[in-house]
Protein backbone atom coordinates (compact mmCIF):
# COMPACT_ATOMS: atom_id res chain seq x y z
CA MET A 1 88.22 86.41 123.95
CA ALA A 2 89.28 90.05 123.78
CA LEU A 3 87.51 92.70 121.71
CA PRO A 4 89.02 94.22 118.55
CA ILE A 5 88.50 97.62 120.23
CA SER A 6 89.34 98.86 123.72
CA ILE A 7 86.46 98.84 126.22
CA GLU A 8 87.19 102.47 127.13
CA LYS A 9 86.77 103.58 123.50
CA LEU A 10 83.62 101.50 123.22
CA LEU A 11 81.95 103.10 126.26
CA SER A 12 83.12 106.60 125.33
CA GLY A 13 81.03 106.51 122.15
CA GLY A 14 83.76 108.32 120.22
CA VAL A 15 84.35 105.45 117.79
CA VAL A 16 81.19 103.32 117.76
CA GLU A 17 77.90 105.20 117.42
CA SER A 18 75.54 105.04 120.39
CA SER A 19 72.87 103.37 118.20
CA ARG A 20 75.22 100.38 117.87
CA ILE A 21 75.69 99.90 121.61
CA GLU A 22 73.16 98.59 124.11
CA TYR A 23 73.74 98.62 127.86
CA LYS A 24 72.24 96.06 130.22
CA GLU A 25 72.53 96.33 133.98
CA GLY A 26 72.05 92.57 134.29
CA TRP A 27 71.61 89.39 132.26
CA ASN A 28 68.22 89.47 130.52
CA PRO A 29 68.39 86.81 127.77
CA ASP A 30 64.97 87.52 126.19
CA ALA A 31 65.73 91.20 125.48
CA ILE A 32 69.40 90.55 124.77
CA TYR A 33 68.70 87.92 122.10
CA ARG A 34 66.22 90.17 120.35
CA SER A 35 69.04 92.71 120.09
CA ILE A 36 71.56 90.08 118.98
CA CYS A 37 69.18 89.11 116.17
CA ALA A 38 68.64 92.77 115.25
CA PHE A 39 72.37 93.51 115.12
CA ALA A 40 72.99 90.34 113.07
CA ASN A 41 70.39 91.45 110.51
CA ASP A 42 72.25 94.77 110.26
CA PHE A 43 69.36 96.47 108.50
CA ASP A 44 71.31 99.70 107.95
CA ASN A 45 74.62 98.03 106.95
CA ILE A 46 76.49 99.70 109.80
CA GLY A 47 78.39 96.65 111.04
CA GLY A 48 76.22 95.11 113.76
CA GLY A 49 76.67 96.21 117.37
CA TYR A 50 77.69 95.55 120.95
CA ILE A 51 75.73 94.61 124.07
CA VAL A 52 77.49 95.43 127.34
CA VAL A 53 76.17 93.56 130.39
CA GLY A 54 76.98 95.09 133.77
CA VAL A 55 76.51 98.72 132.78
CA GLU A 56 73.56 100.88 133.75
CA GLU A 57 72.24 103.21 131.04
CA LYS A 58 70.86 106.71 131.45
CA ASN A 59 69.63 108.77 128.49
CA GLY A 60 71.46 106.48 126.09
CA ARG A 61 74.82 106.87 127.86
CA PRO A 62 76.63 104.47 130.23
CA VAL A 63 76.65 105.41 133.90
CA ARG A 64 80.24 105.64 135.16
CA PRO A 65 81.72 104.12 137.19
CA VAL A 66 80.04 100.96 135.95
CA LYS A 67 78.25 98.56 138.30
CA GLY A 68 79.91 95.52 136.76
CA ILE A 69 78.81 91.90 136.87
CA ASP A 70 79.64 89.16 139.36
CA ILE A 71 82.46 87.13 137.84
CA ASP A 72 80.85 83.91 139.16
CA LYS A 73 77.77 84.58 137.00
CA ILE A 74 79.66 84.83 133.73
CA GLU A 75 80.36 81.13 133.21
CA PRO A 76 76.67 80.14 133.64
CA ILE A 77 75.74 82.93 131.19
CA GLU A 78 78.21 81.57 128.61
CA LYS A 79 76.73 78.08 129.00
CA ASP A 80 73.19 79.43 128.56
CA MET A 81 74.28 81.24 125.41
CA ILE A 82 75.31 77.98 123.73
CA GLY A 83 71.69 76.82 123.82
CA PHE A 84 70.24 80.22 122.95
CA ASN A 85 72.58 80.57 119.95
CA ASN A 86 71.15 77.34 118.53
CA LEU A 87 67.70 78.96 118.50
CA ILE A 88 68.79 81.59 115.95
CA LYS A 89 67.84 80.67 112.38
CA PRO A 90 69.97 80.33 110.31
CA PHE A 91 72.74 79.44 112.73
CA TYR A 92 74.59 82.43 114.09
CA TYR A 93 76.78 82.97 117.10
CA PRO A 94 77.98 86.30 118.50
CA LYS A 95 81.44 86.77 119.96
CA THR A 96 81.87 87.44 123.67
CA SER A 97 84.52 88.98 125.88
CA ILE A 98 85.08 89.64 129.58
CA GLU A 99 86.46 93.16 130.00
CA GLU A 100 87.62 95.19 132.97
CA ILE A 101 86.79 98.88 133.40
CA ASP A 102 86.44 101.15 136.43
CA GLY A 103 87.82 98.27 138.48
CA LYS A 104 84.82 96.05 137.60
CA LYS A 105 84.16 93.20 135.17
CA VAL A 106 81.67 93.60 132.34
CA PHE A 107 80.47 91.02 129.83
CA VAL A 108 80.51 92.24 126.21
CA ILE A 109 78.64 90.56 123.35
CA TRP A 110 79.79 91.56 119.86
CA ALA A 111 76.99 90.80 117.38
CA HIS A 112 78.57 91.47 113.99
CA GLY A 113 76.51 91.85 110.82
CA GLY A 114 75.82 88.32 109.54
CA LEU A 115 76.40 86.96 106.05
CA ASN A 116 73.26 84.80 105.97
CA ARG A 117 70.55 87.30 106.88
CA PRO A 118 67.69 87.51 107.48
CA TYR A 119 67.97 85.98 110.97
CA GLU A 120 65.11 85.19 113.27
CA VAL A 121 64.97 84.24 116.94
CA PRO A 122 62.21 83.41 119.45
CA GLU A 123 60.70 86.58 120.92
CA CYS A 124 61.35 85.02 124.33
CA VAL A 125 64.21 82.52 124.24
CA THR A 126 63.41 81.40 127.81
CA ALA A 127 59.71 80.61 127.11
CA LYS A 128 58.53 77.05 126.64
CA GLU A 129 56.60 77.95 123.51
CA LYS A 130 59.02 79.63 121.15
CA LYS A 131 57.69 81.87 118.35
CA HIS A 132 60.43 82.95 115.96
CA LYS A 133 60.39 86.55 114.73
CA LEU A 134 62.59 88.87 112.71
CA PHE A 135 64.16 91.80 114.54
CA ILE A 136 65.99 94.89 113.28
CA ARG A 137 67.50 98.01 114.84
CA TYR A 138 65.46 101.19 114.62
CA ASN A 139 67.47 104.10 115.99
CA SER A 140 68.61 102.69 119.36
CA SER A 141 65.90 100.04 119.78
CA SER A 142 65.40 96.47 118.61
CA ILE A 143 61.98 96.06 117.00
CA GLU A 144 60.16 93.33 115.07
CA ALA A 145 60.41 93.70 111.30
CA LYS A 146 56.89 93.88 109.91
CA GLY A 147 55.25 94.94 106.66
CA ASP A 148 57.49 96.98 104.40
CA LEU A 149 60.41 96.66 106.80
CA LYS A 150 60.17 92.87 106.63
CA THR A 151 60.01 92.99 102.83
CA GLU A 152 63.05 95.26 102.71
CA LEU A 153 64.96 93.00 105.08
CA PHE A 154 64.39 90.01 102.79
CA ASP A 155 65.41 92.25 99.91
CA LEU A 156 68.80 92.72 101.59
CA THR A 157 69.50 88.97 101.68
CA ALA A 158 71.51 89.02 98.44
CA ARG A 159 73.12 92.37 99.21
CA ILE A 160 75.87 91.65 101.67
CA PRO A 161 78.27 94.65 101.58
CA PHE A 162 81.19 93.94 99.27
CA ASP A 163 83.80 94.64 101.94
CA ASP A 164 82.26 91.96 104.18
CA MET A 165 82.22 89.24 101.53
CA PRO A 166 84.80 86.41 101.59
CA ASN A 167 87.34 86.62 98.78
CA GLN A 168 87.87 83.16 97.30
CA ASP A 169 90.83 84.36 95.22
CA ALA A 170 92.86 84.98 98.37
CA LYS A 171 94.43 82.88 101.13
CA LEU A 172 94.81 83.52 104.86
CA SER A 173 98.53 83.99 104.22
CA ASP A 174 97.62 87.09 102.17
CA ILE A 175 96.74 88.86 105.43
CA SER A 176 99.81 90.55 106.91
CA ARG A 177 100.37 89.59 110.54
CA SER A 178 102.50 92.68 111.17
CA ARG A 179 99.82 95.01 109.78
CA VAL A 180 97.12 93.36 111.91
CA PHE A 181 99.13 93.77 115.11
CA ASP A 182 100.18 97.30 114.19
CA TYR A 183 96.49 98.17 113.82
CA LEU A 184 95.56 96.50 117.13
CA ASN A 185 98.34 98.40 118.90
CA LYS A 186 97.15 101.71 117.44
CA ILE A 187 93.58 101.24 118.67
CA GLY A 188 94.63 99.87 122.06
CA SER A 189 93.04 96.42 121.71
CA LYS A 190 93.76 93.77 124.34
CA LEU A 191 94.07 91.26 121.51
CA THR A 192 97.75 92.22 121.30
CA GLU A 193 98.22 90.59 124.70
CA GLU A 194 97.16 87.24 123.22
CA GLU A 195 99.78 87.18 120.47
CA GLY A 196 101.69 84.28 122.02
CA THR A 197 98.70 82.34 123.31
CA LYS A 198 96.82 81.56 120.10
CA GLY A 199 97.40 81.02 116.42
CA PHE A 200 97.02 83.75 113.82
CA LYS A 201 94.04 81.94 112.30
CA GLU A 202 92.17 82.08 115.61
CA LEU A 203 92.98 85.77 115.93
CA LEU A 204 91.55 86.47 112.45
CA GLU A 205 88.41 84.53 113.35
CA GLN A 206 88.04 86.53 116.54
CA MET A 207 88.36 89.79 114.60
CA ASN A 208 85.76 88.49 112.10
CA LEU A 209 88.21 88.97 109.23
CA VAL A 210 87.62 85.53 107.70
CA ALA A 211 84.53 83.61 106.56
CA GLY A 212 83.65 80.08 105.55
CA PRO A 213 83.77 76.62 107.11
CA PRO A 214 86.80 75.77 109.31
CA GLU A 215 88.36 73.65 106.58
CA ALA A 216 88.02 76.36 103.90
CA LEU A 217 88.36 79.82 105.43
CA TYR A 218 88.82 82.83 103.17
CA PRO A 219 89.78 86.40 104.02
CA ARG A 220 86.98 88.93 103.85
CA ASN A 221 87.53 91.74 101.38
CA CYS A 222 87.92 94.25 104.21
CA ALA A 223 90.84 92.21 105.57
CA LEU A 224 92.63 92.48 102.22
CA MET A 225 91.81 96.19 101.90
CA MET A 226 93.36 96.94 105.29
CA PHE A 227 95.93 94.23 106.01
CA ASN A 228 97.53 93.28 102.70
CA ASP A 229 100.62 95.07 101.37
CA HIS A 230 99.36 95.08 97.77
CA PRO A 231 95.55 95.03 97.81
CA GLU A 232 95.53 96.32 94.21
CA LYS A 233 96.19 92.68 93.22
CA PHE A 234 92.67 91.83 94.43
CA PHE A 235 91.00 95.18 93.72
CA PRO A 236 92.44 96.64 90.50
CA TYR A 237 93.03 100.40 90.54
CA MET A 238 92.70 100.60 94.31
CA GLN A 239 94.90 103.68 94.28
CA ALA A 240 94.94 107.45 94.44
CA ASN A 241 95.86 109.44 91.33
CA ILE A 242 96.95 113.05 91.84
CA THR A 243 97.20 115.40 88.87
CA VAL A 244 98.39 119.02 89.11
CA PHE A 245 97.38 121.55 86.44
CA PRO A 246 99.69 124.55 87.10
CA LYS A 247 97.66 126.95 84.95
CA GLY A 248 94.30 125.23 85.12
CA LYS A 249 92.89 122.37 83.11
CA LEU A 250 90.77 124.62 80.90
CA ASN A 251 93.46 127.26 80.32
CA ASP A 252 96.32 124.86 79.57
CA PRO A 253 95.15 121.22 79.43
CA ASP A 254 98.46 119.91 78.06
CA ASN A 255 100.44 121.38 80.94
CA PHE A 256 100.05 118.99 83.84
CA ILE A 257 102.08 116.92 86.29
CA GLU A 258 101.05 113.42 87.31
CA VAL A 259 102.19 112.43 90.76
CA PRO A 260 103.16 108.71 90.83
CA ALA A 261 100.09 106.66 91.70
CA ILE A 262 99.73 105.94 95.43
CA TYR A 263 99.09 102.30 96.35
CA GLY A 264 98.77 100.26 99.54
CA PRO A 265 96.17 99.40 102.19
CA VAL A 266 93.37 101.94 102.51
CA ASP A 267 94.72 103.64 105.64
CA ALA A 268 98.24 103.79 104.14
CA ILE A 269 96.96 105.42 100.94
CA ILE A 270 95.07 107.99 103.00
CA ASP A 271 98.17 108.73 105.09
CA LYS A 272 100.34 109.16 101.97
CA VAL A 273 97.83 111.44 100.24
CA LEU A 274 97.45 113.58 103.36
CA GLY A 275 101.24 113.68 103.73
CA TYR A 276 101.49 114.97 100.16
CA PHE A 277 98.96 117.69 100.95
CA LYS A 278 100.80 118.68 104.13
CA THR A 279 104.15 118.93 102.36
CA ASN A 280 103.18 120.41 99.01
CA ILE A 281 99.71 121.94 99.11
CA ILE A 282 98.65 123.41 102.44
CA LYS A 283 100.03 126.89 103.08
CA GLU A 284 99.38 129.40 105.85
CA ALA A 285 98.86 133.11 105.27
CA VAL A 286 98.81 136.06 107.68
CA SER A 287 96.68 139.14 107.20
CA LYS A 288 96.80 142.26 109.37
CA VAL A 289 93.43 143.42 110.64
CA PRO A 290 93.08 147.22 110.85
CA GLY A 291 92.78 148.43 114.45
CA LYS A 292 93.84 145.10 115.97
CA LYS A 293 97.20 143.95 117.27
CA GLU A 294 96.68 140.30 116.42
CA ALA A 295 96.96 139.29 112.79
CA LYS A 296 94.47 136.93 111.17
CA ARG A 297 95.89 133.54 110.25
CA PHE A 298 94.26 131.25 107.76
CA PHE A 299 95.13 128.45 105.35
CA ASN A 300 94.62 128.11 101.64
CA TYR A 301 92.86 124.81 102.46
CA PRO A 302 92.05 123.67 106.04
CA TYR A 303 93.73 120.31 106.59
CA GLU A 304 90.83 118.81 108.56
CA ALA A 305 88.38 119.43 105.71
CA LEU A 306 90.68 117.78 103.14
CA GLU A 307 91.31 114.89 105.53
CA GLU A 308 87.60 114.17 105.88
CA ILE A 309 86.97 114.42 102.12
CA ILE A 310 89.88 112.09 101.26
CA CYS A 311 88.87 109.54 103.91
CA ASN A 312 85.25 109.58 102.75
CA ALA A 313 86.33 109.00 99.14
CA PHE A 314 87.96 105.69 100.17
CA TYR A 315 85.32 104.82 102.76
CA HIS A 316 82.36 105.21 100.40
CA ARG A 317 83.85 104.27 97.01
CA ASP A 318 82.57 101.20 95.18
CA TYR A 319 85.46 98.71 95.20
CA ARG A 320 83.73 96.49 92.65
CA GLU A 321 84.45 99.17 90.07
CA HIS A 322 88.02 99.25 88.80
CA GLU A 323 88.59 102.99 88.95
CA PRO A 324 90.99 105.02 91.13
CA VAL A 325 90.21 107.89 93.46
CA ASP A 326 91.11 110.91 91.30
CA ILE A 327 92.45 114.08 92.89
CA VAL A 328 92.85 117.15 90.67
CA ILE A 329 94.74 120.22 91.91
CA GLU A 330 94.21 123.47 90.03
CA PRO A 331 95.35 127.00 90.93
CA ASP A 332 92.13 127.83 92.79
CA PHE A 333 90.54 124.53 93.85
CA ILE A 334 91.01 120.84 94.67
CA SER A 335 88.51 118.19 93.55
CA VAL A 336 88.29 114.59 94.77
CA SER A 337 86.27 112.05 92.74
CA ASN A 338 85.40 108.42 93.44
CA VAL A 339 83.17 105.79 91.84
CA GLY A 340 79.97 105.01 93.69
CA GLY A 341 77.53 107.75 94.58
CA PRO A 342 75.73 108.39 97.89
CA ASP A 343 72.84 106.33 99.21
CA ARG A 344 69.58 107.14 97.41
CA ALA A 345 68.07 108.29 100.68
CA VAL A 346 70.46 111.27 100.59
CA LYS A 347 69.41 114.26 98.49
CA MET A 348 71.53 117.10 97.11
CA GLU A 349 69.86 119.56 99.50
CA ASP A 350 71.12 117.40 102.38
CA PHE A 351 74.70 118.03 101.27
CA GLU A 352 74.01 121.72 100.83
CA SER A 353 72.61 121.97 104.37
CA GLY A 354 75.47 119.85 105.73
CA THR A 355 73.21 117.17 107.22
CA PRO A 356 73.11 114.09 104.95
CA LYS A 357 71.68 111.01 106.70
CA PRO A 358 72.28 107.84 104.67
CA ARG A 359 70.10 104.84 105.36
CA ARG A 360 72.94 102.39 104.97
CA TYR A 361 76.65 102.36 104.21
CA ARG A 362 78.42 100.71 101.28
CA ASN A 363 81.48 99.50 103.26
CA ARG A 364 80.36 98.93 106.83
CA ARG A 365 83.45 97.07 108.11
CA LEU A 366 85.94 99.33 106.34
CA GLY A 367 84.23 102.30 107.96
CA ASP A 368 84.67 100.72 111.40
CA PHE A 369 88.41 100.29 110.83
CA LEU A 370 88.85 103.89 109.68
CA LYS A 371 86.81 105.25 112.58
CA GLU A 372 88.82 103.24 115.10
CA LEU A 373 91.97 104.81 113.61
CA ASP A 374 90.33 108.26 113.99
CA LEU A 375 90.45 108.76 110.21
CA THR A 376 86.72 109.30 109.75
CA GLU A 377 83.96 110.86 111.82
CA GLY A 378 81.01 109.09 113.38
CA LYS A 379 77.77 108.30 111.59
CA SER A 380 76.61 111.08 109.24
CA THR A 381 78.95 113.72 110.69
CA GLY A 382 81.69 113.88 108.03
CA ILE A 383 80.02 116.50 105.84
CA THR A 384 79.17 118.53 108.95
CA THR A 385 82.86 118.50 109.90
CA VAL A 386 83.93 119.66 106.43
CA ARG A 387 81.37 122.46 106.55
CA ALA A 388 82.49 123.62 110.01
CA LYS A 389 86.24 123.54 109.24
CA LEU A 390 85.81 125.49 105.99
CA LYS A 391 83.64 128.08 107.72
CA SER A 392 86.05 128.59 110.64
CA ASN A 393 88.91 129.08 108.15
CA GLY A 394 86.89 131.62 106.18
CA SER A 395 86.80 129.37 103.10
CA PRO A 396 83.89 128.97 100.68
CA ALA A 397 81.55 126.03 101.24
CA ALA A 398 82.46 122.76 99.53
CA ILE A 399 80.71 121.81 96.30
CA TYR A 400 79.30 118.29 95.96
CA GLU A 401 78.25 116.63 92.73
CA PHE A 402 76.90 113.20 91.76
CA ASP A 403 74.89 111.73 88.92
CA GLU A 404 71.27 110.63 89.13
CA GLU A 405 72.24 106.95 88.90
CA ARG A 406 74.64 107.42 91.87
CA THR A 407 77.61 105.94 90.00
CA TRP A 408 80.13 108.67 90.92
CA PHE A 409 80.70 111.39 93.48
CA CYS A 410 82.88 114.51 93.44
CA ALA A 411 83.76 116.94 96.24
CA THR A 412 85.43 120.27 95.40
CA VAL A 413 87.10 122.66 97.85
CA LYS A 414 87.93 126.17 96.70
CA ILE A 415 91.04 128.03 97.82
CA HIS A 416 90.66 130.72 100.49
CA PRO A 417 89.83 133.95 98.58
CA GLU A 418 92.22 136.16 100.59
CA PHE A 419 95.06 133.70 100.08
CA LEU A 420 94.48 133.78 96.34
CA LYS A 421 94.32 137.58 96.43
CA GLN A 422 97.58 137.88 98.39
CA GLN A 423 99.28 135.46 96.03
CA SER A 424 97.86 136.95 92.82
CA ASP A 425 101.31 137.45 91.32
CA ILE A 426 102.37 133.88 92.10
CA ASP A 427 101.07 130.81 90.38
CA VAL A 428 100.17 128.79 93.47
CA ALA A 429 99.93 125.47 91.72
CA GLN A 430 103.20 126.13 89.90
CA ASN A 431 104.93 126.57 93.25
CA VAL A 432 103.55 123.23 94.33
CA ALA A 433 104.75 121.61 91.15
CA GLN A 434 108.24 123.13 91.38
CA ASN A 435 108.69 121.82 94.91
CA VAL A 436 108.16 118.22 93.94
CA ALA A 437 108.14 117.80 90.18
CA GLN A 438 111.86 117.54 89.50
CA ASN A 439 112.42 114.84 92.08
CA GLN A 440 109.34 112.88 90.94
CA ILE A 441 110.32 113.08 87.26
CA THR A 442 113.89 112.00 88.01
CA GLN A 443 112.62 109.00 89.98
CA ARG A 444 110.23 108.08 87.18
CA HIS A 445 113.01 108.36 84.56
CA GLN A 446 115.18 106.01 86.60
CA LYS A 447 112.31 103.55 86.96
CA ILE A 448 111.69 103.57 83.20
CA LEU A 449 115.35 102.70 82.56
CA GLU A 450 115.19 99.90 85.15
CA LEU A 451 112.03 98.46 83.59
CA ILE A 452 113.58 98.50 80.11
CA GLN A 453 116.78 96.85 81.40
CA GLU A 454 114.77 94.17 83.20
CA ASN A 455 112.54 93.48 80.19
CA SER A 456 113.81 94.82 76.85
CA SER A 457 110.52 93.92 75.13
CA ILE A 458 108.27 95.78 77.56
CA SER A 459 105.77 98.05 75.80
CA GLN A 460 105.06 101.70 76.53
CA GLU A 461 101.54 100.73 77.58
CA GLU A 462 102.96 98.28 80.13
CA ILE A 463 105.39 100.88 81.47
CA ALA A 464 102.56 103.40 81.84
CA GLN A 465 100.39 100.84 83.65
CA ILE A 466 103.15 99.86 86.08
CA LEU A 467 103.98 103.47 86.91
CA GLY A 468 100.35 104.54 87.07
CA VAL A 469 100.64 107.32 84.47
CA THR A 470 99.40 107.89 80.94
CA ARG A 471 101.21 106.76 77.79
CA ARG A 472 101.51 110.41 76.81
CA THR A 473 103.54 111.02 79.97
CA ILE A 474 105.82 108.07 79.12
CA ASN A 475 106.35 109.52 75.63
CA ARG A 476 107.46 112.83 77.15
CA ASP A 477 109.72 111.03 79.62
CA LEU A 478 111.39 109.07 76.81
CA ASP A 479 111.99 112.30 74.87
CA LYS A 480 113.67 113.75 77.95
CA LEU A 481 115.76 110.62 78.49
CA ARG A 482 116.97 110.77 74.88
CA GLU A 483 118.97 113.90 75.80
CA THR A 484 121.30 111.63 77.80
CA TYR A 485 120.69 108.15 76.37
CA LYS A 486 120.30 106.62 72.95
CA ILE A 487 116.91 104.98 73.32
CA GLU A 488 115.21 103.31 70.39
CA TRP A 489 112.81 100.49 69.65
CA ARG A 490 114.07 98.02 67.07
CA GLY A 491 111.88 95.53 65.31
CA SER A 492 108.13 95.17 64.95
CA SER A 493 105.64 96.42 67.52
CA LYS A 494 104.99 92.84 68.69
CA SER A 495 108.43 91.23 68.57
CA GLY A 496 110.86 94.15 68.85
CA ASN A 497 112.93 95.32 71.80
CA TRP A 498 114.53 98.38 73.36
CA ILE A 499 118.15 99.38 72.78
CA VAL A 500 119.57 101.74 75.41
CA SER A 501 123.10 103.14 75.61
CA PRO A 502 124.58 106.39 77.02
CA LEU A 503 125.40 109.13 74.53
CA PRO A 504 129.10 110.05 74.25
CA GLU A 505 128.24 113.61 75.20
CA THR A 506 125.17 115.50 76.29
CA ALA A 507 123.06 117.54 73.91
CA ASN A 508 124.41 120.79 75.39
CA GLU A 509 128.01 119.66 74.89
CA ARG A 510 127.29 118.77 71.24
CA LYS A 511 125.92 122.27 70.66
CA LYS A 512 129.13 123.77 71.96
C-alpha cells in the first residue's frame, strides 16, 4: 500500500511535524509497538504519526542518504505485525507501505489517530508474559500514561475530533473521485499510480477517509469537507461571507456591499477567497526614500499574512456550529471571524508574543490535508508567520480577540499606515467596491430573475438564503430590477406568486 503523502515530503519534515515521525534503523517490535499505541491514542489530537524503519536518526532528523532495509526482511515483518496487531486493545491495525528513497527501500508504518481510544498494548510484545499499558506521545517520545495523564486520556475517549467522525448521513458515492485524485496528484502521492489496480473503496480505506465495518462504511467528515462538491449540504453555512463597508461600518452602516457567498470544499473556498483578495484588495505602493536610489515598496496588506489568517479560520473553526467564516473589509482594516475559539491552553499573551502553543487541535485530519497542500504552516507556527510577514511589510501587528468561553475568534489586520497616508484622498474600500460591485450586482439580479421564473412562489427569504445575502439586500435588488421590469407579488404571503414582465420603456425614457 502506498502512503497518502510522498516519502520525500515525509522525511523533509516540511509537512508533517518532527514530533509525529519516528525513525528506526532496524525492526524493533517492542519499541515500535509502544509508539504505534501512542500514535493511535493521539493524546494531542494531531492526527497520529509515522514510523519509518530503515532510517537512522540523528538529533531528531533522518540521516540521508538512508540506510534502507533488506527487502527480504519486509515480508517476515508484515507477518509478525499480524500477531502483534491482535495484542492491541481494543483492536487496531496501522497501515503500512514499502517506499523507495535514496535508491533504498524503507518500511513505513502509518499509525493514524484511532476512533476507539484509549488503546493499550503490552510493554514488550515479544515477551512471554505480556503486561498491557497505555502509551501516549510526549514531545517526540512514547511514554506510559500515568496519573493525571492517564485520567486525561480516558477523558478523551468521548471526544473524537469532529472532522474524524464518520458521517452516517452520507454515502461513499458522496466523495468525489476526481477531487481525491486531484489532491493526490498535487501532493505527489504514489497512490495515483494505483488508480487502475484497485477499487475506489479500497483507496478511501487506505487514505483513512472512511470508517465503520466493511458492510457499512461511511465517509469521515473530513472526507466530505475536502472531497465533496457541495459540503454545505452536510455542514450548513460552511461558507465564507465577505462584506465591504466603503466608508466604514460605524460611519455609514447602511452603505455596504455583500460579495456572493463562497461555497465548496475547504481548500476551494480558501483559494477563492485568496483570489478575491489578490484581484480586489491587495495593492502595492512605492515610496521614495530620501538619499537612496531605491524606492521602498510595500503592500496595503501582505498576502502571506492574509493567507495564513484565512486558512487558520477554516482549519480551526468549529464545524458543528452552523455559522460562516465572516470577512469584513473596511477602509483601514480587514477582520476575519470564525466560530470556535482557541484551545484553553493558549492565553491572550501567547498571541501577543506570537508564540501560541495549543495542546490539541480541533480538526486534526483537516489540518493535515491543508498542510500537505502548503496552505497552512506546521504546528504552532501560523501566528509566528503572520507576525513576521506584517513586520517585514512595515504593517502594524495583528489584533486577536476571543471570548472567555472560547466560542469565537477574530483576527484583524490593519492597513499599512503609509499606504493609507498616500491614498488619503481616495476611498480605498470604495475603489475595491467599484472594481467588482457592478458585475456582482448584475449577476445577482439575473439570478433573482431566474429563481423567480423557476419558482413563481419562492419567498424573499428563500431567495436570500440561496444567494447567501440578507433579505434587505434582496429588497434593494428588487427595487433596482423594477426600473426595467414590472415585478410584483400577487396574493397572500403564503399562497401568492410573482408576476414579472418587461416594462415597455425604461424609467429614463419615460422621464423624457
